[in-house]
Amino acid sequence: VFDCSKHTAKPGASATCSPDLKLCGHEKEGYGLAWSPHVAGRLLSGSDDTHICVWDVEATHANPQAVDPTTTYKGHTNVVEDVVWHYSRPGIFASVGDDKMLMVWDEREAESPTQQVQAHTAEINCVHFNPFNEHLIATGSADKTVALWDMRNTSSKLHAFDWHSDEVIQVQWSPKVETLLGSCGQDRRICVWDV
């Protein structure tokens, strides 16, 4: 973690740039990373080691070069590809992974997710909560689809968008228009859906 206020905007030729905090806890590389919209300094990550870690980078650390997570969550059986915090419910987050699972977690219950569903037929690459509707969540997968879910009932998808011709690598709800969802894939397509 770098604190940009502690580093010069234009370092000299001999200047080295070192992080202010080095977060430890994962055993392999990771892809998912999300800052909490509710708690300053709360950082969430997912990794190839199948674990999800939460850090408090605002806390005082005895050794800033080796900061351990405050909590580690273990529920996935394969790579955790993406993580995201809920916009209106503090302490709630979602994760998706190569085990084809969508999991919703409550920070207070580290033992297991509060909800889980096999959401796709192939690896899930991305997840995003709708910023206007607290129950709506979108996922994108290597099965070439985007899926919509209602967190109140995950027994079946609300809808699946089958337009990409290759893996969906990102989904994102519009921060301004409740019904607009964007997706992009390895097929070089960016799609905008009005749900």
N, C-alpha and C. Protein backbone atom coordinates (compact mmCIF):
# COMPACT_ATOMS: atom_id res chain seq x y z
N VAL A 1 0.86 -1.17 0.00
CA VAL A 1 0.00 0.00 0.00
C VAL A 1 0.90 1.23 0.00
N PHE A 2 0.63 2.14 -0.91
CA PHE A 2 1.40 3.37 -1.02
C PHE A 2 0.56 4.55 -0.55
N ASP A 3 1.14 5.40 0.29
CA ASP A 3 0.52 6.67 0.67
C ASP A 3 1.16 7.73 -0.21
N CYS A 4 0.44 8.16 -1.23
CA CYS A 4 0.99 9.10 -2.21
C CYS A 4 1.42 10.42 -1.61
N SER A 5 0.85 10.79 -0.46
CA SER A 5 1.23 12.06 0.17
C SER A 5 2.63 11.99 0.78
N LYS A 6 3.18 10.79 0.92
CA LYS A 6 4.52 10.62 1.51
C LYS A 6 5.61 10.49 0.45
N HIS A 7 5.24 10.51 -0.81
CA HIS A 7 6.20 10.33 -1.89
C HIS A 7 6.18 11.55 -2.79
N THR A 8 7.35 11.89 -3.34
CA THR A 8 7.41 13.02 -4.25
C THR A 8 6.72 12.67 -5.56
N ALA A 9 6.17 13.69 -6.19
CA ALA A 9 5.45 13.47 -7.45
C ALA A 9 6.41 13.05 -8.56
N LYS A 10 7.64 13.53 -8.48
CA LYS A 10 8.63 13.22 -9.50
C LYS A 10 9.94 12.83 -8.81
N PRO A 11 10.11 11.52 -8.55
CA PRO A 11 11.32 11.10 -7.84
C PRO A 11 12.57 11.29 -8.69
N GLY A 12 13.68 11.50 -8.01
CA GLY A 12 14.96 11.65 -8.70
C GLY A 12 15.41 10.34 -9.32
N ALA A 13 16.49 10.39 -10.09
CA ALA A 13 16.98 9.20 -10.80
C ALA A 13 17.40 8.09 -9.84
N SER A 14 17.92 8.46 -8.68
CA SER A 14 18.40 7.44 -7.74
C SER A 14 17.35 7.08 -6.68
N ALA A 15 16.20 7.70 -6.75
CA ALA A 15 15.17 7.46 -5.73
C ALA A 15 14.54 6.08 -5.90
N THR A 16 14.32 5.44 -4.78
CA THR A 16 13.62 4.16 -4.80
C THR A 16 12.21 4.38 -4.26
N CYS A 17 11.32 3.57 -4.70
CA CYS A 17 9.94 3.69 -4.27
C CYS A 17 9.55 2.41 -3.55
N SER A 18 9.29 2.51 -2.28
CA SER A 18 8.91 1.35 -1.48
C SER A 18 7.52 1.56 -0.91
N PRO A 19 6.75 0.49 -0.77
CA PRO A 19 5.41 0.65 -0.20
C PRO A 19 5.47 1.04 1.27
N ASP A 20 4.45 1.74 1.72
CA ASP A 20 4.37 2.13 3.12
C ASP A 20 3.89 0.97 3.98
N LEU A 21 3.08 0.10 3.41
CA LEU A 21 2.62 -1.11 4.09
C LEU A 21 2.73 -2.28 3.13
N LYS A 22 3.20 -3.41 3.64
CA LYS A 22 3.23 -4.64 2.85
C LYS A 22 2.25 -5.61 3.51
N LEU A 23 1.20 -5.94 2.78
CA LEU A 23 0.15 -6.80 3.31
C LEU A 23 0.50 -8.26 3.07
N CYS A 24 0.56 -9.03 4.14
CA CYS A 24 0.86 -10.45 4.08
C CYS A 24 -0.41 -11.22 4.40
N GLY A 25 -0.43 -12.49 4.05
CA GLY A 25 -1.61 -13.29 4.37
C GLY A 25 -2.00 -14.23 3.26
N HIS A 26 -1.75 -13.83 2.03
CA HIS A 26 -2.02 -14.72 0.91
C HIS A 26 -0.76 -15.52 0.59
N GLU A 27 -0.96 -16.75 0.14
CA GLU A 27 0.16 -17.62 -0.21
C GLU A 27 0.44 -17.62 -1.70
N LYS A 28 -0.48 -17.08 -2.49
CA LYS A 28 -0.32 -17.02 -3.95
C LYS A 28 -0.82 -15.66 -4.44
N GLU A 29 -0.60 -15.41 -5.73
CA GLU A 29 -1.04 -14.14 -6.32
C GLU A 29 -2.56 -14.03 -6.28
N GLY A 30 -3.02 -12.80 -6.45
CA GLY A 30 -4.46 -12.57 -6.38
C GLY A 30 -4.93 -11.60 -7.42
N TYR A 31 -6.25 -11.53 -7.59
CA TYR A 31 -6.85 -10.67 -8.60
C TYR A 31 -7.87 -9.70 -8.02
N GLY A 32 -8.67 -10.15 -7.07
CA GLY A 32 -9.73 -9.33 -6.52
C GLY A 32 -9.22 -8.38 -5.45
N LEU A 33 -9.65 -7.11 -5.52
CA LEU A 33 -9.25 -6.10 -4.55
C LEU A 33 -10.35 -5.06 -4.46
N ALA A 34 -10.77 -4.70 -3.24
CA ALA A 34 -11.85 -3.72 -3.08
C ALA A 34 -11.69 -2.95 -1.78
N TRP A 35 -11.76 -1.61 -1.86
CA TRP A 35 -11.77 -0.75 -0.68
C TRP A 35 -13.20 -0.65 -0.18
N SER A 36 -13.37 -0.65 1.13
CA SER A 36 -14.70 -0.52 1.72
C SER A 36 -15.24 0.89 1.48
N PRO A 37 -16.50 1.01 1.03
CA PRO A 37 -17.10 2.34 0.91
C PRO A 37 -17.60 2.87 2.25
N HIS A 38 -17.51 2.06 3.30
CA HIS A 38 -18.06 2.42 4.61
C HIS A 38 -17.01 2.68 5.68
N VAL A 39 -15.89 1.96 5.63
CA VAL A 39 -14.88 2.06 6.68
C VAL A 39 -13.55 2.45 6.05
N ALA A 40 -13.01 3.60 6.46
CA ALA A 40 -11.74 4.07 5.92
C ALA A 40 -10.64 3.06 6.21
N GLY A 41 -9.87 2.73 5.19
CA GLY A 41 -8.73 1.84 5.37
C GLY A 41 -9.04 0.36 5.36
N ARG A 42 -10.30 -0.01 5.17
CA ARG A 42 -10.67 -1.43 5.13
C ARG A 42 -10.50 -1.92 3.70
N LEU A 43 -9.65 -2.94 3.53
CA LEU A 43 -9.32 -3.46 2.21
C LEU A 43 -9.59 -4.96 2.16
N LEU A 44 -10.22 -5.39 1.07
CA LEU A 44 -10.64 -6.77 0.86
C LEU A 44 -9.87 -7.32 -0.35
N SER A 45 -9.43 -8.58 -0.26
CA SER A 45 -8.72 -9.17 -1.40
C SER A 45 -9.05 -10.64 -1.55
N GLY A 46 -8.92 -11.13 -2.79
CA GLY A 46 -9.11 -12.55 -3.09
C GLY A 46 -7.89 -13.06 -3.83
N SER A 47 -7.63 -14.37 -3.72
CA SER A 47 -6.36 -14.89 -4.21
C SER A 47 -6.48 -16.29 -4.80
N ASP A 48 -5.42 -16.68 -5.51
CA ASP A 48 -5.30 -18.04 -6.03
C ASP A 48 -5.23 -19.08 -4.91
N ASP A 49 -4.93 -18.65 -3.69
CA ASP A 49 -4.85 -19.60 -2.56
C ASP A 49 -6.23 -19.96 -2.02
N THR A 50 -7.29 -19.49 -2.65
CA THR A 50 -8.71 -19.73 -2.32
C THR A 50 -9.21 -18.93 -1.12
N HIS A 51 -8.38 -18.08 -0.56
CA HIS A 51 -8.75 -17.32 0.64
C HIS A 51 -9.13 -15.89 0.29
N ILE A 52 -9.90 -15.30 1.20
CA ILE A 52 -10.26 -13.88 1.14
C ILE A 52 -9.71 -13.25 2.41
N CYS A 53 -9.00 -12.14 2.26
CA CYS A 53 -8.43 -11.46 3.43
C CYS A 53 -8.99 -10.04 3.55
N VAL A 54 -9.12 -9.59 4.79
CA VAL A 54 -9.52 -8.22 5.09
C VAL A 54 -8.41 -7.59 5.92
N TRP A 55 -8.00 -6.38 5.53
CA TRP A 55 -6.98 -5.64 6.27
C TRP A 55 -7.53 -4.31 6.73
N ASP A 56 -6.96 -3.81 7.82
CA ASP A 56 -7.23 -2.45 8.30
C ASP A 56 -5.94 -1.67 8.14
N VAL A 57 -5.81 -0.94 7.05
CA VAL A 57 -4.57 -0.22 6.79
C VAL A 57 -4.48 1.09 7.58
N GLU A 58 -5.56 1.48 8.24
CA GLU A 58 -5.55 2.69 9.07
C GLU A 58 -5.01 2.41 10.48
N ALA A 59 -5.00 1.16 10.88
CA ALA A 59 -4.54 0.80 12.23
C ALA A 59 -3.03 1.02 12.35
N THR A 60 -2.55 1.15 13.57
CA THR A 60 -1.12 1.25 13.82
C THR A 60 -0.53 -0.15 13.76
N HIS A 61 0.54 -0.30 12.99
CA HIS A 61 1.15 -1.61 12.81
C HIS A 61 2.57 -1.61 13.36
N ALA A 62 2.90 -2.63 14.16
CA ALA A 62 4.23 -2.74 14.74
C ALA A 62 5.28 -2.89 13.65
N ASN A 63 4.97 -3.65 12.62
CA ASN A 63 5.89 -3.85 11.51
C ASN A 63 5.16 -3.55 10.20
N PRO A 64 5.31 -2.34 9.66
CA PRO A 64 4.59 -2.00 8.43
C PRO A 64 5.04 -2.79 7.20
N GLN A 65 6.13 -3.53 7.32
CA GLN A 65 6.59 -4.34 6.19
C GLN A 65 6.00 -5.74 6.20
N ALA A 66 5.19 -6.06 7.20
CA ALA A 66 4.54 -7.37 7.27
C ALA A 66 3.23 -7.25 8.05
N VAL A 67 2.19 -6.73 7.39
CA VAL A 67 0.90 -6.52 8.03
C VAL A 67 0.00 -7.72 7.76
N ASP A 68 -0.45 -8.36 8.82
CA ASP A 68 -1.33 -9.52 8.69
C ASP A 68 -2.78 -9.07 8.55
N PRO A 69 -3.62 -9.90 7.91
CA PRO A 69 -5.03 -9.55 7.78
C PRO A 69 -5.73 -9.59 9.13
N THR A 70 -6.78 -8.79 9.26
CA THR A 70 -7.58 -8.84 10.49
C THR A 70 -8.44 -10.09 10.50
N THR A 71 -8.88 -10.53 9.31
CA THR A 71 -9.71 -11.73 9.19
C THR A 71 -9.41 -12.41 7.86
N THR A 72 -9.43 -13.74 7.88
CA THR A 72 -9.29 -14.54 6.66
C THR A 72 -10.53 -15.41 6.52
N TYR A 73 -11.12 -15.40 5.33
CA TYR A 73 -12.34 -16.15 5.05
C TYR A 73 -12.00 -17.30 4.10
N LYS A 74 -12.49 -18.49 4.45
CA LYS A 74 -12.21 -19.69 3.66
C LYS A 74 -13.53 -20.37 3.31
N GLY A 75 -13.89 -20.32 2.05
CA GLY A 75 -15.12 -20.95 1.61
C GLY A 75 -15.00 -21.49 0.20
N HIS A 76 -14.19 -20.82 -0.61
CA HIS A 76 -14.00 -21.25 -1.99
C HIS A 76 -13.06 -22.46 -2.05
N THR A 77 -13.25 -23.27 -3.07
CA THR A 77 -12.41 -24.45 -3.26
C THR A 77 -11.44 -24.29 -4.42
N ASN A 78 -11.46 -23.11 -5.04
CA ASN A 78 -10.57 -22.82 -6.15
C ASN A 78 -10.29 -21.32 -6.12
N VAL A 79 -9.55 -20.83 -7.09
CA VAL A 79 -9.13 -19.43 -7.16
C VAL A 79 -10.28 -18.46 -6.91
N VAL A 80 -10.05 -17.45 -6.06
CA VAL A 80 -11.01 -16.36 -5.86
C VAL A 80 -10.65 -15.28 -6.88
N GLU A 81 -11.54 -15.06 -7.84
CA GLU A 81 -11.26 -14.13 -8.94
C GLU A 81 -11.61 -12.68 -8.63
N ASP A 82 -12.69 -12.45 -7.85
CA ASP A 82 -13.12 -11.07 -7.62
C ASP A 82 -13.84 -10.97 -6.28
N VAL A 83 -13.76 -9.79 -5.70
CA VAL A 83 -14.44 -9.47 -4.44
C VAL A 83 -15.02 -8.07 -4.56
N VAL A 84 -16.12 -7.82 -3.85
CA VAL A 84 -16.75 -6.49 -3.90
C VAL A 84 -17.52 -6.26 -2.60
N TRP A 85 -17.45 -5.04 -2.08
CA TRP A 85 -18.23 -4.66 -0.90
C TRP A 85 -19.64 -4.25 -1.33
N HIS A 86 -20.60 -4.48 -0.47
CA HIS A 86 -21.97 -4.02 -0.69
C HIS A 86 -21.99 -2.51 -0.49
N TYR A 87 -22.76 -1.80 -1.32
CA TYR A 87 -22.79 -0.33 -1.24
C TYR A 87 -23.55 0.21 -0.04
N SER A 88 -24.62 -0.45 0.37
CA SER A 88 -25.46 0.13 1.43
C SER A 88 -25.49 -0.69 2.72
N ARG A 89 -24.88 -1.86 2.72
CA ARG A 89 -24.89 -2.70 3.92
C ARG A 89 -23.47 -2.93 4.41
N PRO A 90 -23.01 -2.12 5.37
CA PRO A 90 -21.64 -2.25 5.86
C PRO A 90 -21.35 -3.67 6.36
N GLY A 91 -20.16 -4.16 6.03
CA GLY A 91 -19.75 -5.48 6.49
C GLY A 91 -20.18 -6.62 5.60
N ILE A 92 -20.95 -6.33 4.56
CA ILE A 92 -21.40 -7.36 3.63
C ILE A 92 -20.54 -7.26 2.36
N PHE A 93 -20.05 -8.41 1.90
CA PHE A 93 -19.30 -8.44 0.65
C PHE A 93 -19.58 -9.73 -0.11
N ALA A 94 -19.22 -9.74 -1.39
CA ALA A 94 -19.42 -10.92 -2.23
C ALA A 94 -18.08 -11.33 -2.82
N SER A 95 -17.99 -12.62 -3.14
CA SER A 95 -16.81 -13.15 -3.81
C SER A 95 -17.25 -14.16 -4.86
N VAL A 96 -16.43 -14.30 -5.89
CA VAL A 96 -16.67 -15.29 -6.94
C VAL A 96 -15.35 -15.94 -7.30
N GLY A 97 -15.43 -17.14 -7.89
CA GLY A 97 -14.19 -17.81 -8.20
C GLY A 97 -14.28 -18.89 -9.25
N ASP A 98 -13.15 -19.56 -9.42
CA ASP A 98 -13.04 -20.62 -10.41
C ASP A 98 -13.82 -21.87 -10.01
N ASP A 99 -14.32 -21.91 -8.78
CA ASP A 99 -15.18 -23.03 -8.36
C ASP A 99 -16.63 -22.83 -8.80
N LYS A 100 -16.87 -21.77 -9.60
CA LYS A 100 -18.19 -21.44 -10.17
C LYS A 100 -19.18 -20.93 -9.12
N MET A 101 -18.67 -20.56 -7.95
CA MET A 101 -19.52 -20.16 -6.84
C MET A 101 -19.58 -18.65 -6.67
N LEU A 102 -20.79 -18.16 -6.38
CA LEU A 102 -21.03 -16.81 -5.90
C LEU A 102 -21.30 -16.94 -4.41
N MET A 103 -20.52 -16.23 -3.60
CA MET A 103 -20.69 -16.28 -2.15
C MET A 103 -20.91 -14.88 -1.61
N VAL A 104 -21.86 -14.75 -0.69
CA VAL A 104 -22.10 -13.49 0.01
C VAL A 104 -21.72 -13.72 1.46
N TRP A 105 -20.93 -12.79 1.99
CA TRP A 105 -20.36 -12.93 3.33
C TRP A 105 -20.80 -11.78 4.22
N ASP A 106 -20.85 -12.05 5.51
CA ASP A 106 -21.03 -11.04 6.55
C ASP A 106 -19.73 -11.06 7.35
N GLU A 107 -19.08 -9.91 7.45
CA GLU A 107 -17.79 -9.83 8.15
C GLU A 107 -17.82 -10.45 9.54
N ARG A 108 -18.97 -10.40 10.18
CA ARG A 108 -19.08 -10.90 11.55
C ARG A 108 -19.12 -12.42 11.62
N GLU A 109 -19.28 -13.08 10.47
CA GLU A 109 -19.39 -14.54 10.44
C GLU A 109 -18.32 -15.10 9.51
N ALA A 110 -17.10 -15.23 10.02
CA ALA A 110 -15.97 -15.65 9.19
C ALA A 110 -15.97 -17.14 8.86
N GLU A 111 -16.75 -17.91 9.57
CA GLU A 111 -16.72 -19.37 9.38
C GLU A 111 -17.24 -19.82 8.02
N SER A 112 -18.28 -19.18 7.53
CA SER A 112 -18.86 -19.59 6.25
C SER A 112 -19.69 -18.46 5.67
N PRO A 113 -19.90 -18.49 4.34
CA PRO A 113 -20.71 -17.44 3.73
C PRO A 113 -22.16 -17.53 4.18
N THR A 114 -22.84 -16.39 4.18
CA THR A 114 -24.26 -16.39 4.54
C THR A 114 -25.11 -16.92 3.39
N GLN A 115 -24.60 -16.79 2.16
CA GLN A 115 -25.28 -17.31 0.98
C GLN A 115 -24.23 -17.83 0.01
N GLN A 116 -24.56 -18.91 -0.69
CA GLN A 116 -23.68 -19.39 -1.74
C GLN A 116 -24.51 -20.14 -2.78
N VAL A 117 -24.10 -19.99 -4.03
CA VAL A 117 -24.82 -20.64 -5.12
C VAL A 117 -23.84 -20.92 -6.25
N GLN A 118 -23.98 -22.08 -6.89
CA GLN A 118 -23.23 -22.32 -8.11
C GLN A 118 -23.90 -21.47 -9.18
N ALA A 119 -23.23 -20.38 -9.54
CA ALA A 119 -23.87 -19.34 -10.34
C ALA A 119 -23.68 -19.48 -11.85
N HIS A 120 -22.69 -20.24 -12.27
CA HIS A 120 -22.40 -20.39 -13.70
C HIS A 120 -21.91 -21.81 -13.97
N THR A 121 -21.73 -22.12 -15.25
CA THR A 121 -21.25 -23.44 -15.64
C THR A 121 -19.74 -23.46 -15.85
N ALA A 122 -19.09 -22.32 -15.70
CA ALA A 122 -17.63 -22.21 -15.81
C ALA A 122 -17.16 -21.19 -14.78
N GLU A 123 -15.85 -20.96 -14.74
CA GLU A 123 -15.27 -20.03 -13.77
C GLU A 123 -15.98 -18.68 -13.80
N ILE A 124 -16.15 -18.08 -12.61
CA ILE A 124 -16.75 -16.75 -12.52
C ILE A 124 -15.62 -15.74 -12.33
N ASN A 125 -15.56 -14.76 -13.21
CA ASN A 125 -14.46 -13.80 -13.22
C ASN A 125 -14.74 -12.50 -12.49
N CYS A 126 -16.02 -12.14 -12.33
CA CYS A 126 -16.31 -10.81 -11.81
C CYS A 126 -17.69 -10.76 -11.15
N VAL A 127 -17.81 -9.79 -10.23
CA VAL A 127 -19.05 -9.62 -9.48
C VAL A 127 -19.21 -8.14 -9.14
N HIS A 128 -20.46 -7.65 -9.11
CA HIS A 128 -20.69 -6.25 -8.76
C HIS A 128 -22.10 -6.07 -8.21
N PHE A 129 -22.19 -5.38 -7.05
CA PHE A 129 -23.49 -5.04 -6.46
C PHE A 129 -24.06 -3.81 -7.15
N ASN A 130 -25.38 -3.78 -7.33
CA ASN A 130 -26.05 -2.60 -7.86
C ASN A 130 -26.03 -1.52 -6.77
N PRO A 131 -25.58 -0.29 -7.09
CA PRO A 131 -25.50 0.75 -6.07
C PRO A 131 -26.85 1.34 -5.66
N PHE A 132 -27.92 1.03 -6.40
CA PHE A 132 -29.25 1.57 -6.10
C PHE A 132 -30.18 0.54 -5.48
N ASN A 133 -30.08 -0.70 -5.90
CA ASN A 133 -30.95 -1.77 -5.43
C ASN A 133 -30.11 -2.73 -4.59
N GLU A 134 -30.32 -2.73 -3.28
CA GLU A 134 -29.46 -3.50 -2.38
C GLU A 134 -29.53 -5.00 -2.58
N HIS A 135 -30.51 -5.50 -3.31
CA HIS A 135 -30.67 -6.94 -3.50
C HIS A 135 -30.10 -7.45 -4.82
N LEU A 136 -29.74 -6.55 -5.72
CA LEU A 136 -29.35 -6.94 -7.08
C LEU A 136 -27.84 -7.04 -7.22
N ILE A 137 -27.41 -8.16 -7.79
CA ILE A 137 -25.98 -8.40 -7.99
C ILE A 137 -25.78 -9.01 -9.38
N ALA A 138 -24.66 -8.66 -10.02
CA ALA A 138 -24.35 -9.18 -11.35
C ALA A 138 -23.05 -9.96 -11.30
N THR A 139 -22.98 -11.03 -12.11
CA THR A 139 -21.76 -11.83 -12.22
C THR A 139 -21.44 -12.02 -13.70
N GLY A 140 -20.15 -12.20 -13.99
CA GLY A 140 -19.71 -12.49 -15.35
C GLY A 140 -18.78 -13.69 -15.33
N SER A 141 -18.85 -14.50 -16.39
CA SER A 141 -18.20 -15.81 -16.32
C SER A 141 -17.46 -16.21 -17.59
N ALA A 142 -16.61 -17.22 -17.43
CA ALA A 142 -15.94 -17.84 -18.57
C ALA A 142 -16.94 -18.62 -19.43
N ASP A 143 -18.16 -18.81 -18.95
CA ASP A 143 -19.19 -19.47 -19.76
C ASP A 143 -19.82 -18.50 -20.77
N LYS A 144 -19.26 -17.28 -20.86
CA LYS A 144 -19.63 -16.25 -21.84
C LYS A 144 -20.93 -15.54 -21.51
N THR A 145 -21.41 -15.67 -20.27
CA THR A 145 -22.67 -15.03 -19.89
C THR A 145 -22.48 -14.04 -18.74
N VAL A 146 -23.43 -13.12 -18.67
CA VAL A 146 -23.60 -12.22 -17.53
C VAL A 146 -24.90 -12.65 -16.86
N ALA A 147 -24.88 -12.78 -15.54
CA ALA A 147 -26.09 -13.22 -14.83
C ALA A 147 -26.49 -12.18 -13.79
N LEU A 148 -27.80 -12.02 -13.62
CA LEU A 148 -28.36 -11.15 -12.58
C LEU A 148 -28.96 -12.02 -11.50
N TRP A 149 -28.74 -11.60 -10.24
CA TRP A 149 -29.21 -12.36 -9.08
C TRP A 149 -29.93 -11.45 -8.11
N ASP A 150 -30.94 -11.98 -7.46
CA ASP A 150 -31.62 -11.31 -6.35
C ASP A 150 -31.13 -12.00 -5.09
N MET A 151 -30.46 -11.26 -4.22
CA MET A 151 -29.88 -11.86 -3.01
C MET A 151 -30.93 -12.45 -2.08
N ARG A 152 -32.18 -12.06 -2.23
CA ARG A 152 -33.23 -12.62 -1.38
C ARG A 152 -33.61 -14.04 -1.79
N ASN A 153 -33.29 -14.40 -3.05
CA ASN A 153 -33.61 -15.74 -3.54
C ASN A 153 -32.62 -16.11 -4.63
N THR A 154 -31.57 -16.83 -4.26
CA THR A 154 -30.54 -17.19 -5.22
C THR A 154 -30.74 -18.58 -5.81
N SER A 155 -31.94 -19.14 -5.65
CA SER A 155 -32.19 -20.48 -6.19
C SER A 155 -32.19 -20.50 -7.72
N SER A 156 -32.44 -19.35 -8.34
CA SER A 156 -32.34 -19.25 -9.79
C SER A 156 -31.99 -17.82 -10.19
N LYS A 157 -31.37 -17.69 -11.35
CA LYS A 157 -30.99 -16.38 -11.87
C LYS A 157 -32.23 -15.57 -12.21
N LEU A 158 -32.13 -14.27 -12.03
CA LEU A 158 -33.19 -13.39 -12.52
C LEU A 158 -33.17 -13.35 -14.04
N HIS A 159 -31.93 -13.28 -14.58
CA HIS A 159 -31.78 -13.20 -16.03
C HIS A 159 -30.33 -13.54 -16.38
N ALA A 160 -30.13 -14.06 -17.57
CA ALA A 160 -28.78 -14.29 -18.10
C ALA A 160 -28.68 -13.62 -19.46
N PHE A 161 -27.59 -12.88 -19.66
CA PHE A 161 -27.31 -12.23 -20.94
C PHE A 161 -26.27 -13.07 -21.67
N ASP A 162 -26.64 -13.55 -22.84
CA ASP A 162 -25.79 -14.46 -23.61
C ASP A 162 -25.43 -13.80 -24.94
N TRP A 163 -24.53 -12.83 -24.89
CA TRP A 163 -24.17 -12.08 -26.09
C TRP A 163 -22.68 -12.15 -26.40
N HIS A 164 -21.87 -12.32 -25.36
CA HIS A 164 -20.42 -12.39 -25.57
C HIS A 164 -20.05 -13.70 -26.24
N SER A 165 -19.00 -13.67 -27.07
CA SER A 165 -18.54 -14.87 -27.74
C SER A 165 -17.29 -15.46 -27.09
N ASP A 166 -16.88 -14.85 -25.96
CA ASP A 166 -15.75 -15.36 -25.19
C ASP A 166 -15.98 -14.98 -23.72
N GLU A 167 -15.02 -15.28 -22.86
CA GLU A 167 -15.16 -15.04 -21.42
C GLU A 167 -15.56 -13.61 -21.10
N VAL A 168 -16.45 -13.44 -20.15
CA VAL A 168 -16.78 -12.12 -19.61
C VAL A 168 -15.77 -11.85 -18.50
N ILE A 169 -15.04 -10.74 -18.61
CA ILE A 169 -13.98 -10.48 -17.63
C ILE A 169 -14.31 -9.35 -16.66
N GLN A 170 -15.36 -8.56 -16.94
CA GLN A 170 -15.74 -7.50 -16.01
C GLN A 170 -17.21 -7.15 -16.18
N VAL A 171 -17.88 -6.90 -15.06
CA VAL A 171 -19.23 -6.34 -15.05
C VAL A 171 -19.23 -5.15 -14.10
N GLN A 172 -20.00 -4.13 -14.44
CA GLN A 172 -20.05 -2.94 -13.60
C GLN A 172 -21.38 -2.22 -13.79
N TRP A 173 -22.05 -1.95 -12.67
CA TRP A 173 -23.28 -1.16 -12.71
C TRP A 173 -22.92 0.31 -12.85
N SER A 174 -23.77 1.06 -13.54
CA SER A 174 -23.60 2.50 -13.65
C SER A 174 -23.77 3.13 -12.27
N PRO A 175 -22.90 4.08 -11.90
CA PRO A 175 -23.08 4.77 -10.62
C PRO A 175 -24.16 5.85 -10.67
N LYS A 176 -24.71 6.11 -11.87
CA LYS A 176 -25.69 7.19 -12.04
C LYS A 176 -27.07 6.72 -12.49
N VAL A 177 -27.13 5.59 -13.20
CA VAL A 177 -28.40 5.10 -13.74
C VAL A 177 -28.63 3.69 -13.21
N GLU A 178 -29.66 3.52 -12.42
CA GLU A 178 -29.94 2.27 -11.70
C GLU A 178 -30.02 1.04 -12.60
N THR A 179 -30.52 1.20 -13.81
CA THR A 179 -30.80 0.04 -14.66
C THR A 179 -29.70 -0.29 -15.66
N LEU A 180 -28.62 0.50 -15.70
CA LEU A 180 -27.57 0.26 -16.69
C LEU A 180 -26.45 -0.60 -16.12
N LEU A 181 -26.12 -1.66 -16.85
CA LEU A 181 -25.05 -2.58 -16.49
C LEU A 181 -24.12 -2.71 -17.68
N GLY A 182 -22.82 -2.60 -17.44
CA GLY A 182 -21.84 -2.79 -18.49
C GLY A 182 -21.11 -4.10 -18.31
N SER A 183 -20.69 -4.70 -19.42
CA SER A 183 -19.88 -5.91 -19.37
C SER A 183 -18.83 -5.84 -20.47
N CYS A 184 -17.68 -6.45 -20.23
CA CYS A 184 -16.67 -6.55 -21.27
C CYS A 184 -16.08 -7.95 -21.23
N GLY A 185 -15.60 -8.38 -22.38
CA GLY A 185 -15.11 -9.74 -22.47
C GLY A 185 -13.85 -9.87 -23.28
N GLN A 186 -13.33 -11.08 -23.31
CA GLN A 186 -12.13 -11.36 -24.10
C GLN A 186 -12.44 -11.36 -25.59
N ASP A 187 -13.71 -11.22 -25.94
CA ASP A 187 -14.12 -11.11 -27.34
C ASP A 187 -13.95 -9.68 -27.87
N ARG A 188 -13.38 -8.79 -27.05
CA ARG A 188 -13.15 -7.38 -27.40
C ARG A 188 -14.44 -6.60 -27.51
N ARG A 189 -15.50 -7.09 -26.86
CA ARG A 189 -16.79 -6.39 -26.87
C ARG A 189 -17.03 -5.73 -25.52
N ILE A 190 -17.61 -4.55 -25.58
CA ILE A 190 -18.14 -3.90 -24.39
C ILE A 190 -19.64 -3.78 -24.63
N CYS A 191 -20.42 -4.35 -23.74
CA CYS A 191 -21.88 -4.33 -23.89
C CYS A 191 -22.49 -3.49 -22.78
N VAL A 192 -23.51 -2.73 -23.11
CA VAL A 192 -24.27 -1.98 -22.11
C VAL A 192 -25.69 -2.51 -22.14
N TRP A 193 -26.15 -2.96 -20.98
CA TRP A 193 -27.47 -3.57 -20.85
C TRP A 193 -28.37 -2.66 -20.04
N ASP A 194 -29.58 -2.40 -20.52
CA ASP A 194 -30.57 -1.67 -19.74
C ASP A 194 -31.54 -2.72 -19.22
N VAL A 195 -31.37 -3.07 -17.95
CA VAL A 195 -32.16 -4.16 -17.37
C VAL A 195 -33.51 -3.68 -16.89
